[in-house]
Amino acid sequence: MRGLARGGQSRELLSFEEAEDVLEEVDGPNGEGWYHGICPAHSDDHPSLAYKEDEDTGVLVVYCHAGCTPREIIRAIGELLT
């Protein structure tokens, strides 16, 4: 598994399609394709996760406004998938 941090930093990969089934979407997509939802990497009372599909690769791109790293987010999504 690899994913991308906002800004294109390479991390563990996970397809958007795989993650879409377990992420709690609150709203989106916005005009740039970003969805907002509950971050699975921490106890989240407010939707702090921004995520979208990389148009070229289909890979999940994630950003947590509360400060979770992409690796932590992808790992937490992976745990939800098992």
Protein backbone atom coordinates (compact mmCIF):
# COMPACT_ATOMS: atom_id res chain seq x y z
CA MET A 1 0.00 0.00 0.00
CA ARG A 2 1.18 3.48 -0.83
CA GLY A 3 -0.70 6.76 -0.95
CA LEU A 4 0.16 10.33 -1.70
CA ALA A 5 0.28 13.26 0.62
CA ARG A 6 -1.15 16.53 -0.57
CA GLY A 7 1.53 18.13 -2.69
CA GLY A 8 2.63 14.83 -4.23
CA GLN A 9 4.83 13.42 -1.48
CA SER A 10 5.07 9.66 -2.00
CA ARG A 11 3.79 7.38 0.77
CA GLU A 12 2.21 3.94 0.98
CA LEU A 13 -0.17 3.21 -1.95
CA LEU A 14 -3.87 2.52 -1.65
CA SER A 15 -6.39 2.97 -4.43
CA PHE A 16 -9.15 5.51 -4.03
CA GLU A 17 -11.66 2.82 -4.93
CA GLU A 18 -10.50 0.57 -2.05
CA ALA A 19 -10.57 3.38 0.50
CA GLU A 20 -13.87 4.84 -0.65
CA ASP A 21 -15.73 1.86 0.81
CA VAL A 22 -14.52 2.49 4.38
CA LEU A 23 -14.04 6.27 4.63
CA GLU A 24 -16.86 8.25 6.24
CA GLU A 25 -17.60 10.95 3.67
CA VAL A 26 -19.09 14.15 5.04
CA ASP A 27 -19.13 16.20 1.85
CA GLY A 28 -17.62 16.50 -1.58
CA PRO A 29 -16.26 16.40 -4.01
CA ASN A 30 -15.51 20.08 -4.26
CA GLY A 31 -14.45 21.74 -7.52
CA GLU A 32 -10.94 20.30 -7.20
CA GLY A 33 -12.14 16.77 -6.46
CA TRP A 34 -11.52 16.80 -2.70
CA TYR A 35 -13.88 14.97 -0.34
CA HIS A 36 -13.99 15.68 3.40
CA GLY A 37 -14.57 13.10 6.05
CA ILE A 38 -13.71 11.62 9.40
CA CYS A 39 -10.01 10.80 9.78
CA PRO A 40 -9.61 7.13 10.72
CA ALA A 41 -6.17 7.75 12.26
CA HIS A 42 -7.41 9.68 15.31
CA SER A 43 -10.53 10.32 17.35
CA ASP A 44 -12.18 12.85 15.07
CA ASP A 45 -15.13 14.95 16.24
CA HIS A 46 -14.91 17.29 13.24
CA PRO A 47 -14.22 16.16 9.68
CA SER A 48 -10.49 16.82 9.37
CA LEU A 49 -9.65 14.42 6.54
CA ALA A 50 -9.40 15.67 2.97
CA TYR A 51 -9.01 13.01 0.31
CA LYS A 52 -9.29 12.56 -3.43
CA GLU A 53 -8.33 10.27 -6.27
CA ASP A 54 -5.19 11.08 -8.23
CA GLU A 55 -6.55 11.49 -11.75
CA ASP A 56 -3.51 9.89 -13.40
CA THR A 57 -2.93 6.89 -11.15
CA GLY A 58 -6.17 6.24 -9.24
CA VAL A 59 -4.17 6.36 -6.01
CA LEU A 60 -5.70 7.83 -2.87
CA VAL A 61 -4.37 11.28 -1.94
CA VAL A 62 -4.89 12.21 1.72
CA TYR A 63 -4.41 15.22 3.99
CA CYS A 64 -5.42 15.51 7.66
CA HIS A 65 -6.02 19.04 8.94
CA ALA A 66 -5.41 17.77 12.50
CA GLY A 67 -1.86 16.71 11.63
CA CYS A 68 -1.98 12.94 11.06
CA THR A 69 0.65 11.82 8.59
CA PRO A 70 -0.37 10.17 5.32
CA ARG A 71 1.30 6.98 6.54
CA GLU A 72 -0.86 6.96 9.70
CA ILE A 73 -4.01 7.57 7.66
CA ILE A 74 -3.24 4.87 5.09
CA ARG A 75 -2.36 2.40 7.87
CA ALA A 76 -5.67 3.14 9.64
CA ILE A 77 -7.61 2.67 6.40
CA GLY A 78 -5.79 -0.62 5.83
CA GLU A 79 -6.89 -1.81 9.27
CA LEU A 80 -10.50 -0.95 8.42
CA LEU A 81 -10.22 -3.00 5.22
CA THR A 82 -9.14 -6.17 7.06
